[in-house]
Amino acid sequence: MASFATALAGFGGQGILFTGKVMAYSGVVEDKFVSWLPSYGPEMRGGTCNCHVNVSDSPIGSPIVTKPTSVIVMNRPSFEKFVPKLVPGGTVIYDSSLIDITSDRDDIKQFAIPATQMAADMGLPKLANMIMFGKYVKEVGFLSLDAVKRGLEKSVPPTKKELLDSNWKAIETGYNY
């Protein structure tokens, strides 16, 4: 049975909670057990935020991720906080546009992607989170692209349906990086 406990973290306004929501809905679409637990400081935009997402073939005991199997981090403070908590064999996807360090751990897989720069170059400056998520989907391989597309469709509110194509383009860009 497969189970992925993921911590996503960065600054408020980077789309961390939305990314977690898309991940959770993608798991639901694939008939997995899912939990999504958002957390953010009182500052919200600009303050730190993170969310814990569990996607599993079996029931989930707690929504809190204390020993993540993977992390997606979009700023240095989050890298420094969450990468040491990764289980051996875990995976970190990090935004190398904003994080200028790597971990010296040799028991984890590290994937640097300049997501913020890529998003700006694409004219989609607010979608670095979706580029990161696309890379996560490729490297972790637990969710299918079809499920991710359907999870994205469930996550984008009806009043913002025009954003579906650009979000999907960003996910595909990260997946193909």
Protein backbone atom coordinates (compact mmCIF):
# COMPACT_ATOMS: atom_id res chain seq x y z
CA MET A 1 0.00 0.00 0.00
CA ALA A 2 1.25 3.44 -0.91
CA SER A 3 1.01 6.49 1.28
CA PHE A 4 2.41 9.98 0.82
CA ALA A 5 2.63 12.52 3.63
CA THR A 6 3.54 15.87 2.11
CA ALA A 7 4.36 19.20 3.71
CA LEU A 8 4.00 22.25 1.47
CA ALA A 9 5.43 25.51 2.75
CA GLY A 10 6.31 29.06 1.78
CA PHE A 11 5.14 32.63 2.22
CA GLY A 12 1.46 33.57 2.26
CA GLY A 13 0.36 34.59 -1.20
CA GLN A 14 2.52 31.99 -2.99
CA GLY A 15 -0.41 29.62 -3.42
CA ILE A 16 0.74 27.01 -0.91
CA LEU A 17 -2.74 26.28 0.44
CA PHE A 18 -4.24 26.16 -3.04
CA THR A 19 -1.56 23.71 -4.16
CA GLY A 20 -2.37 21.48 -1.20
CA LYS A 21 -6.04 21.68 -2.06
CA VAL A 22 -5.37 20.60 -5.67
CA MET A 23 -3.20 17.75 -4.37
CA ALA A 24 -5.95 16.63 -2.00
CA TYR A 25 -8.70 16.77 -4.64
CA SER A 26 -6.42 14.85 -7.01
CA GLY A 27 -6.21 12.09 -4.43
CA VAL A 28 -9.98 12.11 -3.97
CA VAL A 29 -10.43 11.75 -7.73
CA GLU A 30 -8.26 8.61 -7.60
CA ASP A 31 -10.36 7.18 -4.74
CA LYS A 32 -7.55 7.57 -2.19
CA PHE A 33 -7.90 8.43 1.47
CA VAL A 34 -7.00 12.11 1.86
CA SER A 35 -6.45 14.75 4.52
CA TRP A 36 -5.62 18.44 4.02
CA LEU A 37 -4.59 20.60 6.96
CA PRO A 38 -3.78 24.28 6.23
CA SER A 39 -1.81 26.48 8.61
CA TYR A 40 -0.83 30.13 8.32
CA GLY A 41 0.26 32.94 10.56
CA PRO A 42 -1.87 35.99 11.31
CA GLU A 43 0.02 37.96 8.66
CA MET A 44 -1.34 35.72 5.85
CA ARG A 45 0.05 37.49 2.77
CA GLY A 46 3.78 37.66 3.30
CA GLY A 47 3.77 35.61 6.50
CA THR A 48 4.71 31.96 6.49
CA CYS A 49 2.15 29.33 5.71
CA ASN A 50 2.16 25.61 5.20
CA CYS A 51 -0.21 22.74 4.75
CA HIS A 52 -0.06 19.05 5.35
CA VAL A 53 -1.54 16.69 2.79
CA ASN A 54 -1.84 12.94 3.23
CA VAL A 55 -2.82 10.80 0.25
CA SER A 56 -3.01 7.10 0.95
CA ASP A 57 -4.38 3.77 -0.17
CA SER A 58 -5.35 3.09 3.46
CA PRO A 59 -7.10 5.11 6.21
CA ILE A 60 -5.17 8.08 7.62
CA GLY A 61 -4.70 8.24 11.38
CA SER A 62 -3.88 11.94 11.68
CA PRO A 63 -3.89 14.93 9.31
CA ILE A 64 -0.68 16.23 10.88
CA VAL A 65 2.48 15.39 8.93
CA THR A 66 5.32 15.02 11.43
CA LYS A 67 7.55 12.85 9.23
CA PRO A 68 6.94 13.89 5.63
CA THR A 69 7.77 11.56 2.78
CA SER A 70 7.96 14.62 0.54
CA VAL A 71 8.09 18.39 0.85
CA ILE A 72 7.43 21.24 -1.55
CA VAL A 73 9.11 24.42 -0.32
CA MET A 74 9.03 27.89 -1.83
CA ASN A 75 11.22 29.89 0.53
CA ARG A 76 14.40 29.44 2.52
CA PRO A 77 12.84 29.45 6.02
CA SER A 78 10.56 26.62 4.93
CA PHE A 79 13.48 24.71 3.43
CA GLU A 80 15.39 25.01 6.70
CA LYS A 81 12.36 23.93 8.74
CA PHE A 82 10.93 21.05 6.71
CA VAL A 83 13.82 19.36 4.88
CA PRO A 84 15.40 18.06 8.13
CA LYS A 85 12.06 16.39 8.96
CA LEU A 86 11.98 14.39 5.72
CA VAL A 87 12.14 10.63 6.17
CA PRO A 88 15.15 8.85 4.65
CA GLY A 89 14.38 8.24 0.99
CA GLY A 90 12.05 11.25 0.95
CA THR A 91 11.80 13.87 -1.77
CA VAL A 92 12.14 17.64 -1.64
CA ILE A 93 11.05 19.89 -4.50
CA TYR A 94 12.27 23.45 -3.95
CA ASP A 95 12.15 26.77 -5.77
CA SER A 96 15.76 27.52 -6.68
CA SER A 97 14.74 31.05 -7.74
CA LEU A 98 14.19 31.84 -4.07
CA ILE A 99 16.26 29.24 -2.19
CA ASP A 100 20.03 29.49 -2.51
CA ILE A 101 20.97 26.47 -0.40
CA THR A 102 20.78 22.69 -0.66
CA SER A 103 20.70 20.03 1.98
CA ASP A 104 23.81 18.02 2.75
CA ARG A 105 21.63 14.96 3.36
CA ASP A 106 22.55 12.10 1.05
CA ASP A 107 19.54 9.99 2.04
CA ILE A 108 16.92 12.15 0.26
CA LYS A 109 16.14 13.11 -3.32
CA GLN A 110 16.42 16.85 -4.04
CA PHE A 111 14.93 18.58 -7.07
CA ALA A 112 15.65 22.26 -7.63
CA ILE A 113 13.38 24.05 -10.07
CA PRO A 114 13.52 27.81 -10.74
CA ALA A 115 9.73 28.01 -10.57
CA THR A 116 9.37 31.70 -9.74
CA GLN A 117 11.64 32.68 -12.65
CA MET A 118 9.91 30.22 -14.99
CA ALA A 119 6.48 31.57 -14.05
CA ALA A 120 7.64 35.15 -14.67
CA ASP A 121 9.16 34.15 -18.03
CA MET A 122 5.85 32.55 -19.03
CA GLY A 123 3.92 35.70 -18.09
CA LEU A 124 2.25 33.78 -15.24
CA PRO A 125 4.01 35.27 -12.21
CA LYS A 126 1.48 33.96 -9.68
CA LEU A 127 1.73 30.34 -10.80
CA ALA A 128 5.13 29.24 -9.53
CA ASN A 129 3.22 27.03 -7.10
CA MET A 130 1.63 25.09 -9.95
CA ILE A 131 5.01 24.68 -11.66
CA MET A 132 6.33 23.24 -8.39
CA PHE A 133 3.32 20.93 -8.14
CA GLY A 134 3.89 19.68 -11.70
CA LYS A 135 7.47 18.78 -10.79
CA TYR A 136 6.21 17.03 -7.65
CA VAL A 137 3.73 14.95 -9.66
CA LYS A 138 6.51 13.89 -12.04
CA GLU A 139 9.10 13.01 -9.39
CA VAL A 140 6.86 11.45 -6.72
CA GLY A 141 4.66 9.70 -9.25
CA PHE A 142 1.79 8.86 -6.91
CA LEU A 143 -0.90 10.88 -8.69
CA SER A 144 -1.76 10.56 -12.37
CA LEU A 145 -1.85 13.64 -14.60
CA ASP A 146 -5.50 12.87 -15.36
CA ALA A 147 -6.33 12.95 -11.64
CA VAL A 148 -4.37 16.19 -11.22
CA LYS A 149 -6.28 17.82 -14.07
CA ARG A 150 -9.59 16.74 -12.54
CA GLY A 151 -8.41 17.83 -9.07
CA LEU A 152 -7.51 21.24 -10.49
CA GLU A 153 -10.96 21.54 -12.07
CA LYS A 154 -12.56 20.82 -8.67
CA SER A 155 -10.28 23.34 -6.91
CA VAL A 156 -10.80 26.37 -9.14
CA PRO A 157 -14.04 28.12 -8.18
CA PRO A 158 -16.67 28.62 -10.92
CA THR A 159 -16.11 32.38 -10.77
CA LYS A 160 -12.47 31.87 -11.84
CA LYS A 161 -12.84 29.16 -14.51
CA GLU A 162 -10.81 31.32 -16.91
CA LEU A 163 -7.73 30.46 -14.79
CA LEU A 164 -7.93 26.71 -15.51
CA ASP A 165 -5.88 26.81 -18.72
CA SER A 166 -3.04 28.88 -17.28
CA ASN A 167 -2.87 26.72 -14.14
CA TRP A 168 -2.79 23.56 -16.24
CA LYS A 169 -0.08 25.05 -18.48
CA ALA A 170 2.02 25.78 -15.37
CA ILE A 171 1.53 22.22 -14.06
CA GLU A 172 2.59 20.77 -17.42
CA THR A 173 5.64 23.06 -17.50
CA GLY A 174 6.80 21.80 -14.11
CA TYR A 175 6.06 18.20 -15.05
CA ASN A 176 8.19 18.50 -18.19
CA TYR A 177 11.09 20.38 -16.54
